[in-house]
Amino acid sequence: MEPDTKRTDKEVLIKGIKTMGITLILMFLGPSLFYVGLSNPEKPLYIPILLVAGILCILAIYFGFKGLKIIMDSMFKKH
Protein backbone atom coordinates (compact mmCIF):
# COMPACT_ATOMS: atom_id res chain seq x y z
CA MET A 1 0.00 0.00 0.00
CA GLU A 2 1.32 3.38 -0.98
CA PRO A 3 1.37 6.14 1.64
CA ASP A 4 -0.93 9.06 0.91
CA THR A 5 1.50 11.93 0.41
CA LYS A 6 -0.01 15.21 -0.58
CA ARG A 7 2.50 17.29 -2.45
CA THR A 8 2.19 20.44 -4.47
CA ASP A 9 2.43 19.85 -8.20
CA LYS A 10 5.12 22.38 -9.04
CA GLU A 11 4.41 22.53 -12.79
CA VAL A 12 0.75 23.32 -12.20
CA LEU A 13 1.71 25.85 -9.52
CA ILE A 14 4.03 27.65 -11.95
CA LYS A 15 1.21 27.73 -14.52
CA GLY A 16 -1.06 29.30 -11.88
CA ILE A 17 1.56 31.90 -10.96
CA LYS A 18 1.97 32.83 -14.64
CA THR A 19 -1.81 33.23 -14.89
CA MET A 20 -1.75 35.49 -11.85
CA GLY A 21 0.99 37.54 -13.55
CA ILE A 22 -1.33 38.08 -16.51
CA THR A 23 -4.01 39.10 -14.01
CA LEU A 24 -1.69 41.66 -12.43
CA ILE A 25 -0.92 43.24 -15.79
CA LEU A 26 -4.61 43.39 -16.71
CA MET A 27 -5.53 44.81 -13.28
CA PHE A 28 -3.40 47.88 -13.99
CA LEU A 29 -3.94 48.16 -17.74
CA GLY A 30 -7.77 48.06 -17.67
CA PRO A 31 -8.42 50.84 -15.12
CA SER A 32 -5.59 52.97 -16.58
CA LEU A 33 -7.19 52.73 -20.00
CA PHE A 34 -10.57 53.58 -18.43
CA TYR A 35 -9.08 56.72 -16.91
CA VAL A 36 -7.52 57.75 -20.23
CA GLY A 37 -10.79 57.10 -22.04
CA LEU A 38 -12.93 59.02 -19.55
CA SER A 39 -10.56 61.99 -19.45
CA ASN A 40 -10.95 62.56 -23.22
CA PRO A 41 -14.68 62.34 -24.06
CA GLU A 42 -14.31 64.64 -27.08
CA LYS A 43 -11.88 62.32 -28.90
CA PRO A 44 -13.18 60.12 -31.76
CA LEU A 45 -11.89 56.91 -30.11
CA TYR A 46 -13.78 57.56 -26.86
CA ILE A 47 -16.22 54.62 -27.13
CA PRO A 48 -13.72 52.03 -28.49
CA ILE A 49 -11.22 52.86 -25.72
CA LEU A 50 -13.92 52.42 -23.07
CA LEU A 51 -15.01 49.11 -24.63
CA VAL A 52 -11.43 47.78 -24.68
CA ALA A 53 -10.91 48.95 -21.09
CA GLY A 54 -14.09 47.19 -19.98
CA ILE A 55 -13.04 43.98 -21.71
CA LEU A 56 -9.60 44.16 -20.05
CA CYS A 57 -11.20 44.62 -16.62
CA ILE A 58 -13.48 41.63 -17.18
CA LEU A 59 -10.51 39.56 -18.36
CA ALA A 60 -8.60 40.55 -15.21
CA ILE A 61 -11.41 39.16 -13.06
CA TYR A 62 -11.62 35.98 -15.17
CA PHE A 63 -7.87 35.34 -15.09
CA GLY A 64 -7.80 36.08 -11.35
CA PHE A 65 -10.34 33.36 -10.59
CA LYS A 66 -8.73 31.00 -13.09
CA GLY A 67 -5.27 31.54 -11.59
CA LEU A 68 -6.52 30.96 -8.04
CA LYS A 69 -8.26 27.76 -9.13
CA ILE A 70 -5.10 26.48 -10.81
CA ILE A 71 -3.02 27.25 -7.71
CA MET A 72 -5.56 25.55 -5.43
CA ASP A 73 -5.64 22.52 -7.75
CA SER A 74 -1.86 22.26 -7.59
CA MET A 75 -1.97 22.12 -3.81
CA PHE A 76 -5.07 20.10 -2.98
CA LYS A 77 -5.88 17.82 -5.91
CA LYS A 78 -4.83 14.20 -5.78
CA HIS A 79 -2.62 13.29 -8.72
PDB file of N, CA and C in Angstrom:
ATOM      1  N   MET A   1       0.830  -1.186   0.000  1.00  0.00           N
ATOM      2  CA  MET A   1       0.000   0.000   0.000  1.00  0.00           C
ATOM      3  C   MET A   1       0.878   1.254   0.000  1.00  0.00           C
ATOM      4  N   GLU A   2       0.542   2.170  -0.850  1.00  0.00           N
ATOM      5  CA  GLU A   2       1.324   3.383  -0.976  1.00  0.00           C
ATOM      6  C   GLU A   2       0.867   4.429   0.039  1.00  0.00           C
ATOM      7  N   PRO A   3       1.795   5.104   0.701  1.00  0.00           N
ATOM      8  CA  PRO A   3       1.369   6.144   1.644  1.00  0.00           C
ATOM      9  C   PRO A   3       0.752   7.327   0.897  1.00  0.00           C
ATOM     10  N   ASP A   4      -0.231   7.935   1.516  1.00  0.00           N
ATOM     11  CA  ASP A   4      -0.930   9.063   0.905  1.00  0.00           C
ATOM     12  C   ASP A   4      -0.142  10.343   1.180  1.00  0.00           C
ATOM     13  N   THR A   5       0.718  10.706   0.244  1.00  0.00           N
ATOM     14  CA  THR A   5       1.499  11.929   0.406  1.00  0.00           C
ATOM     15  C   THR A   5       0.888  13.007  -0.468  1.00  0.00           C
ATOM     16  N   LYS A   6       0.558  14.085   0.153  1.00  0.00           N
ATOM     17  CA  LYS A   6      -0.009  15.212  -0.584  1.00  0.00           C
ATOM     18  C   LYS A   6       1.109  16.218  -0.829  1.00  0.00           C
ATOM     19  N   ARG A   7       1.444  16.366  -2.071  1.00  0.00           N
ATOM     20  CA  ARG A   7       2.500  17.293  -2.448  1.00  0.00           C
ATOM     21  C   ARG A   7       1.955  18.280  -3.472  1.00  0.00           C
ATOM     22  N   THR A   8       2.567  19.428  -3.490  1.00  0.00           N
ATOM     23  CA  THR A   8       2.191  20.439  -4.472  1.00  0.00           C
ATOM     24  C   THR A   8       2.793  20.074  -5.821  1.00  0.00           C
ATOM     25  N   ASP A   9       1.950  20.078  -6.844  1.00  0.00           N
ATOM     26  CA  ASP A   9       2.429  19.845  -8.200  1.00  0.00           C
ATOM     27  C   ASP A   9       3.070  21.140  -8.695  1.00  0.00           C
ATOM     28  N   LYS A  10       4.388  21.146  -8.764  1.00  0.00           N
ATOM     29  CA  LYS A  10       5.117  22.384  -9.044  1.00  0.00           C
ATOM     30  C   LYS A  10       4.851  22.929 -10.456  1.00  0.00           C
ATOM     31  N   GLU A  11       4.675  22.044 -11.436  1.00  0.00           N
ATOM     32  CA  GLU A  11       4.409  22.530 -12.792  1.00  0.00           C
ATOM     33  C   GLU A  11       3.065  23.238 -12.876  1.00  0.00           C
ATOM     34  N   VAL A  12       2.072  22.691 -12.194  1.00  0.00           N
ATOM     35  CA  VAL A  12       0.746  23.316 -12.195  1.00  0.00           C
ATOM     36  C   VAL A  12       0.794  24.621 -11.401  1.00  0.00           C
ATOM     37  N   LEU A  13       1.569  24.629 -10.315  1.00  0.00           N
ATOM     38  CA  LEU A  13       1.714  25.847  -9.520  1.00  0.00           C
ATOM     39  C   LEU A  13       2.354  26.960 -10.340  1.00  0.00           C
ATOM     40  N   ILE A  14       3.374  26.634 -11.105  1.00  0.00           N
ATOM     41  CA  ILE A  14       4.030  27.645 -11.950  1.00  0.00           C
ATOM     42  C   ILE A  14       3.057  28.178 -12.999  1.00  0.00           C
ATOM     43  N   LYS A  15       2.230  27.293 -13.555  1.00  0.00           N
ATOM     44  CA  LYS A  15       1.212  27.732 -14.523  1.00  0.00           C
ATOM     45  C   LYS A  15       0.238  28.702 -13.858  1.00  0.00           C
ATOM     46  N   GLY A  16      -0.162  28.407 -12.605  1.00  0.00           N
ATOM     47  CA  GLY A  16      -1.063  29.299 -11.880  1.00  0.00           C
ATOM     48  C   GLY A  16      -0.428  30.642 -11.577  1.00  0.00           C
ATOM     49  N   ILE A  17       0.864  30.636 -11.251  1.00  0.00           N
ATOM     50  CA  ILE A  17       1.562  31.897 -10.963  1.00  0.00           C
ATOM     51  C   ILE A  17       1.686  32.737 -12.230  1.00  0.00           C
ATOM     52  N   LYS A  18       1.923  32.088 -13.370  1.00  0.00           N
ATOM     53  CA  LYS A  18       1.968  32.828 -14.642  1.00  0.00           C
ATOM     54  C   LYS A  18       0.607  33.444 -14.951  1.00  0.00           C
ATOM     55  N   THR A  19      -0.459  32.701 -14.672  1.00  0.00           N
ATOM     56  CA  THR A  19      -1.812  33.230 -14.893  1.00  0.00           C
ATOM     57  C   THR A  19      -2.071  34.431 -13.987  1.00  0.00           C
ATOM     58  N   MET A  20      -1.585  34.362 -12.759  1.00  0.00           N
ATOM     59  CA  MET A  20      -1.746  35.495 -11.851  1.00  0.00           C
ATOM     60  C   MET A  20      -0.914  36.694 -12.306  1.00  0.00           C
ATOM     61  N   GLY A  21       0.207  36.451 -12.979  1.00  0.00           N
ATOM     62  CA  GLY A  21       0.992  37.544 -13.554  1.00  0.00           C
ATOM     63  C   GLY A  21       0.218  38.264 -14.650  1.00  0.00           C
ATOM     64  N   ILE A  22      -0.477  37.483 -15.483  1.00  0.00           N
ATOM     65  CA  ILE A  22      -1.335  38.083 -16.510  1.00  0.00           C
ATOM     66  C   ILE A  22      -2.427  38.913 -15.843  1.00  0.00           C
ATOM     67  N   THR A  23      -2.974  38.378 -14.749  1.00  0.00           N
ATOM     68  CA  THR A  23      -4.008  39.100 -14.011  1.00  0.00           C
ATOM     69  C   THR A  23      -3.487  40.434 -13.506  1.00  0.00           C
ATOM     70  N   LEU A  24      -2.271  40.429 -12.966  1.00  0.00           N
ATOM     71  CA  LEU A  24      -1.685  41.663 -12.430  1.00  0.00           C
ATOM     72  C   LEU A  24      -1.531  42.720 -13.512  1.00  0.00           C
ATOM     73  N   ILE A  25      -1.066  42.302 -14.679  1.00  0.00           N
ATOM     74  CA  ILE A  25      -0.916  43.245 -15.789  1.00  0.00           C
ATOM     75  C   ILE A  25      -2.275  43.816 -16.193  1.00  0.00           C
ATOM     76  N   LEU A  26      -3.282  42.939 -16.312  1.00  0.00           N
ATOM     77  CA  LEU A  26      -4.612  43.395 -16.713  1.00  0.00           C
ATOM     78  C   LEU A  26      -5.260  44.275 -15.647  1.00  0.00           C
ATOM     79  N   MET A  27      -4.950  44.011 -14.367  1.00  0.00           N
ATOM     80  CA  MET A  27      -5.533  44.813 -13.284  1.00  0.00           C
ATOM     81  C   MET A  27      -5.064  46.266 -13.335  1.00  0.00           C
ATOM     82  N   PHE A  28      -3.871  46.506 -13.860  1.00  0.00           N
ATOM     83  CA  PHE A  28      -3.398  47.878 -13.995  1.00  0.00           C
ATOM     84  C   PHE A  28      -3.745  48.476 -15.350  1.00  0.00           C
ATOM     85  N   LEU A  29      -3.702  47.663 -16.385  1.00  0.00           N
ATOM     86  CA  LEU A  29      -3.942  48.157 -17.740  1.00  0.00           C
ATOM     87  C   LEU A  29      -5.401  48.570 -17.952  1.00  0.00           C
ATOM     88  N   GLY A  30      -6.351  47.761 -17.476  1.00  0.00           N
ATOM     89  CA  GLY A  30      -7.770  48.062 -17.675  1.00  0.00           C
ATOM     90  C   GLY A  30      -8.210  49.379 -17.046  1.00  0.00           C
ATOM     91  N   PRO A  31      -8.018  49.561 -15.733  1.00  0.00           N
ATOM     92  CA  PRO A  31      -8.418  50.836 -15.124  1.00  0.00           C
ATOM     93  C   PRO A  31      -7.641  52.040 -15.652  1.00  0.00           C
ATOM     94  N   SER A  32      -6.364  51.858 -16.007  1.00  0.00           N
ATOM     95  CA  SER A  32      -5.595  52.971 -16.578  1.00  0.00           C
ATOM     96  C   SER A  32      -6.198  53.399 -17.906  1.00  0.00           C
ATOM     97  N   LEU A  33      -6.578  52.418 -18.720  1.00  0.00           N
ATOM     98  CA  LEU A  33      -7.195  52.735 -19.999  1.00  0.00           C
ATOM     99  C   LEU A  33      -8.571  53.380 -19.798  1.00  0.00           C
ATOM    100  N   PHE A  34      -9.302  52.937 -18.764  1.00  0.00           N
ATOM    101  CA  PHE A  34     -10.572  53.582 -18.428  1.00  0.00           C
ATOM    102  C   PHE A  34     -10.369  55.055 -18.095  1.00  0.00           C
ATOM    103  N   TYR A  35      -9.358  55.336 -17.295  1.00  0.00           N
ATOM    104  CA  TYR A  35      -9.076  56.719 -16.913  1.00  0.00           C
ATOM    105  C   TYR A  35      -8.734  57.559 -18.137  1.00  0.00           C
ATOM    106  N   VAL A  36      -7.895  57.025 -19.015  1.00  0.00           N
ATOM    107  CA  VAL A  36      -7.520  57.749 -20.232  1.00  0.00           C
ATOM    108  C   VAL A  36      -8.755  57.981 -21.101  1.00  0.00           C
ATOM    109  N   GLY A  37      -9.596  56.962 -21.220  1.00  0.00           N
ATOM    110  CA  GLY A  37     -10.794  57.102 -22.038  1.00  0.00           C
ATOM    111  C   GLY A  37     -11.776  58.117 -21.477  1.00  0.00           C
ATOM    112  N   LEU A  38     -11.968  58.093 -20.163  1.00  0.00           N
ATOM    113  CA  LEU A  38     -12.932  59.019 -19.555  1.00  0.00           C
ATOM    114  C   LEU A  38     -12.412  60.448 -19.474  1.00  0.00           C
ATOM    115  N   SER A  39     -11.102  60.633 -19.532  1.00  0.00           N
ATOM    116  CA  SER A  39     -10.561  61.994 -19.455  1.00  0.00           C
ATOM    117  C   SER A  39     -10.586  62.699 -20.810  1.00  0.00           C
ATOM    118  N   ASN A  40     -10.891  61.962 -21.877  1.00  0.00           N
ATOM    119  CA  ASN A  40     -10.948  62.562 -23.221  1.00  0.00           C
ATOM    120  C   ASN A  40     -12.256  62.227 -23.923  1.00  0.00           C
ATOM    121  N   PRO A  41     -13.402  62.703 -23.417  1.00  0.00           N
ATOM    122  CA  PRO A  41     -14.678  62.340 -24.062  1.00  0.00           C
ATOM    123  C   PRO A  41     -14.896  62.973 -25.437  1.00  0.00           C
ATOM    124  N   GLU A  42     -14.113  63.989 -25.779  1.00  0.00           N
ATOM    125  CA  GLU A  42     -14.315  64.640 -27.078  1.00  0.00           C
ATOM    126  C   GLU A  42     -13.524  63.973 -28.202  1.00  0.00           C
ATOM    127  N   LYS A  43     -12.680  63.010 -27.878  1.00  0.00           N
ATOM    128  CA  LYS A  43     -11.876  62.320 -28.898  1.00  0.00           C
ATOM    129  C   LYS A  43     -12.740  61.337 -29.693  1.00  0.00           C
ATOM    130  N   PRO A  44     -12.360  61.047 -30.945  1.00  0.00           N
ATOM    131  CA  PRO A  44     -13.177  60.121 -31.756  1.00  0.00           C
ATOM    132  C   PRO A  44     -13.091  58.660 -31.281  1.00  0.00           C
ATOM    133  N   LEU A  45     -12.038  58.291 -30.587  1.00  0.00           N
ATOM    134  CA  LEU A  45     -11.892  56.915 -30.114  1.00  0.00           C
ATOM    135  C   LEU A  45     -12.414  56.724 -28.694  1.00  0.00           C
ATOM    136  N   TYR A  46     -13.262  57.603 -28.221  1.00  0.00           N
ATOM    137  CA  TYR A  46     -13.781  57.558 -26.856  1.00  0.00           C
ATOM    138  C   TYR A  46     -14.482  56.229 -26.546  1.00  0.00           C
ATOM    139  N   ILE A  47     -15.449  55.846 -27.364  1.00  0.00           N
ATOM    140  CA  ILE A  47     -16.220  54.618 -27.130  1.00  0.00           C
ATOM    141  C   ILE A  47     -15.361  53.364 -27.301  1.00  0.00           C
ATOM    142  N   PRO A  48     -14.556  53.247 -28.373  1.00  0.00           N
ATOM    143  CA  PRO A  48     -13.724  52.034 -28.491  1.00  0.00           C
ATOM    144  C   PRO A  48     -12.735  51.859 -27.335  1.00  0.00           C
ATOM    145  N   ILE A  49     -12.159  52.955 -26.847  1.00  0.00           N
ATOM    146  CA  ILE A  49     -11.223  52.860 -25.720  1.00  0.00           C
ATOM    147  C   ILE A  49     -11.949  52.368 -24.475  1.00  0.00           C
ATOM    148  N   LEU A  50     -13.154  52.875 -24.240  1.00  0.00           N
ATOM    149  CA  LEU A  50     -13.918  52.419 -23.073  1.00  0.00           C
ATOM    150  C   LEU A  50     -14.318  50.954 -23.208  1.00  0.00           C
ATOM    151  N   LEU A  51     -14.664  50.519 -24.412  1.00  0.00           N
ATOM    152  CA  LEU A  51     -15.008  49.110 -24.628  1.00  0.00           C
ATOM    153  C   LEU A  51     -13.803  48.198 -24.373  1.00  0.00           C
ATOM    154  N   VAL A  52     -12.645  48.581 -24.893  1.00  0.00           N
ATOM    155  CA  VAL A  52     -11.434  47.784 -24.681  1.00  0.00           C
ATOM    156  C   VAL A  52     -11.078  47.755 -23.197  1.00  0.00           C
ATOM    157  N   ALA A  53     -11.209  48.892 -22.524  1.00  0.00           N
ATOM    158  CA  ALA A  53     -10.907  48.949 -21.093  1.00  0.00           C
ATOM    159  C   ALA A  53     -11.858  48.054 -20.302  1.00  0.00           C
ATOM    160  N   GLY A  54     -13.123  48.056 -20.658  1.00  0.00           N
ATOM    161  CA  GLY A  54     -14.091  47.193 -19.982  1.00  0.00           C
ATOM    162  C   GLY A  54     -13.780  45.721 -20.193  1.00  0.00           C
ATOM    163  N   ILE A  55     -13.399  45.371 -21.417  1.00  0.00           N
ATOM    164  CA  ILE A  55     -13.040  43.981 -21.711  1.00  0.00           C
ATOM    165  C   ILE A  55     -11.802  43.573 -20.917  1.00  0.00           C
ATOM    166  N   LEU A  56     -10.816  44.471 -20.817  1.00  0.00           N
ATOM    167  CA  LEU A  56      -9.604  44.158 -20.051  1.00  0.00           C
ATOM    168  C   LEU A  56      -9.914  43.969 -18.570  1.00  0.00           C
ATOM    169  N   CYS A  57     -10.821  44.775 -18.035  1.00  0.00           N
ATOM    170  CA  CYS A  57     -11.204  44.616 -16.625  1.00  0.00           C
ATOM    171  C   CYS A  57     -11.920  43.283 -16.395  1.00  0.00           C
ATOM    172  N   ILE A  58     -12.794  42.918 -17.300  1.00  0.00           N
ATOM    173  CA  ILE A  58     -13.485  41.626 -17.185  1.00  0.00           C
ATOM    174  C   ILE A  58     -12.494  40.476 -17.306  1.00  0.00           C
ATOM    175  N   LEU A  59     -11.535  40.592 -18.219  1.00  0.00           N
ATOM    176  CA  LEU A  59     -10.508  39.561 -18.358  1.00  0.00           C
ATOM    177  C   LEU A  59      -9.642  39.457 -17.103  1.00  0.00           C
ATOM    178  N   ALA A  60      -9.380  40.588 -16.454  1.00  0.00           N
ATOM    179  CA  ALA A  60      -8.596  40.555 -15.213  1.00  0.00           C
ATOM    180  C   ALA A  60      -9.326  39.742 -14.143  1.00  0.00           C
ATOM    181  N   ILE A  61     -10.626  39.923 -14.039  1.00  0.00           N
ATOM    182  CA  ILE A  61     -11.409  39.163 -13.065  1.00  0.00           C
ATOM    183  C   ILE A  61     -11.406  37.680 -13.437  1.00  0.00           C
ATOM    184  N   TYR A  62     -11.600  37.376 -14.714  1.00  0.00           N
ATOM    185  CA  TYR A  62     -11.617  35.983 -15.170  1.00  0.00           C
ATOM    186  C   TYR A  62     -10.275  35.294 -14.889  1.00  0.00           C
ATOM    187  N   PHE A  63      -9.176  35.940 -15.297  1.00  0.00           N
ATOM    188  CA  PHE A  63      -7.867  35.340 -15.090  1.00  0.00           C
ATOM    189  C   PHE A  63      -7.516  35.241 -13.609  1.00  0.00           C
ATOM    190  N   GLY A  64      -8.031  36.165 -12.797  1.00  0.00           N
ATOM    191  CA  GLY A  64      -7.800  36.078 -11.351  1.00  0.00           C
ATOM    192  C   GLY A  64      -8.422  34.822 -10.767  1.00  0.00           C
ATOM    193  N   PHE A  65      -9.677  34.572 -11.090  1.00  0.00           N
ATOM    194  CA  PHE A  65     -10.336  33.362 -10.593  1.00  0.00           C
ATOM    195  C   PHE A  65      -9.696  32.099 -11.174  1.00  0.00           C
ATOM    196  N   LYS A  66      -9.354  32.148 -12.465  1.00  0.00           N
ATOM    197  CA  LYS A  66      -8.731  30.996 -13.094  1.00  0.00           C
ATOM    198  C   LYS A  66      -7.371  30.694 -12.465  1.00  0.00           C
ATOM    199  N   GLY A  67      -6.582  31.725 -12.201  1.00  0.00           N
ATOM    200  CA  GLY A  67      -5.275  31.538 -11.587  1.00  0.00           C
ATOM    201  C   GLY A  67      -5.375  30.980 -10.184  1.00  0.00           C
ATOM    202  N   LEU A  68      -6.328  31.485  -9.396  1.00  0.00           N
ATOM    203  CA  LEU A  68      -6.521  30.961  -8.043  1.00  0.00           C
ATOM    204  C   LEU A  68      -6.963  29.504  -8.076  1.00  0.00           C
ATOM    205  N   LYS A  69      -7.820  29.149  -9.027  1.00  0.00           N
ATOM    206  CA  LYS A  69      -8.262  27.761  -9.135  1.00  0.00           C
ATOM    207  C   LYS A  69      -7.100  26.849  -9.497  1.00  0.00           C
ATOM    208  N   ILE A  70      -6.252  27.291 -10.417  1.00  0.00           N
ATOM    209  CA  ILE A  70      -5.098  26.483 -10.810  1.00  0.00           C
ATOM    210  C   ILE A  70      -4.152  26.289  -9.628  1.00  0.00           C
ATOM    211  N   ILE A  71      -3.916  27.348  -8.869  1.00  0.00           N
ATOM    212  CA  ILE A  71      -3.020  27.248  -7.711  1.00  0.00           C
ATOM    213  C   ILE A  71      -3.619  26.318  -6.668  1.00  0.00           C
ATOM    214  N   MET A  72      -4.926  26.428  -6.406  1.00  0.00           N
ATOM    215  CA  MET A  72      -5.562  25.546  -5.434  1.00  0.00           C
ATOM    216  C   MET A  72      -5.533  24.089  -5.917  1.00  0.00           C
ATOM    217  N   ASP A  73      -5.721  23.880  -7.216  1.00  0.00           N
ATOM    218  CA  ASP A  73      -5.639  22.522  -7.753  1.00  0.00           C
ATOM    219  C   ASP A  73      -4.240  21.939  -7.592  1.00  0.00           C
ATOM    220  N   SER A  74      -3.223  22.767  -7.731  1.00  0.00           N
ATOM    221  CA  SER A  74      -1.862  22.258  -7.594  1.00  0.00           C
ATOM    222  C   SER A  74      -1.567  21.838  -6.165  1.00  0.00           C
ATOM    223  N   MET A  75      -2.244  22.444  -5.205  1.00  0.00           N
ATOM    224  CA  MET A  75      -1.970  22.124  -3.807  1.00  0.00           C
ATOM    225  C   MET A  75      -2.854  21.016  -3.254  1.00  0.00           C
ATOM    226  N   PHE A  76      -4.120  20.976  -3.652  1.00  0.00           N
ATOM    227  CA  PHE A  76      -5.073  20.103  -2.978  1.00  0.00           C
ATOM    228  C   PHE A  76      -5.611  18.939  -3.805  1.00  0.00           C
ATOM    229  N   LYS A  77      -5.355  18.909  -5.098  1.00  0.00           N
ATOM    230  CA  LYS A  77      -5.884  17.825  -5.907  1.00  0.00           C
ATOM    231  C   LYS A  77      -4.989  16.609  -5.808  1.00  0.00           C
ATOM    232  N   LYS A  78      -5.609  15.432  -5.777  1.00  0.00           N
ATOM    233  CA  LYS A  78      -4.830  14.197  -5.785  1.00  0.00           C
ATOM    234  C   LYS A  78      -4.400  13.914  -7.224  1.00  0.00           C
ATOM    235  N   HIS A  79      -3.155  13.518  -7.378  1.00  0.00           N
ATOM    236  CA  HIS A  79      -2.621  13.292  -8.722  1.00  0.00           C
ATOM    237  C   HIS A  79      -2.357  11.827  -8.926  1.00  0.00           C
TER     238      HIS A  79
END
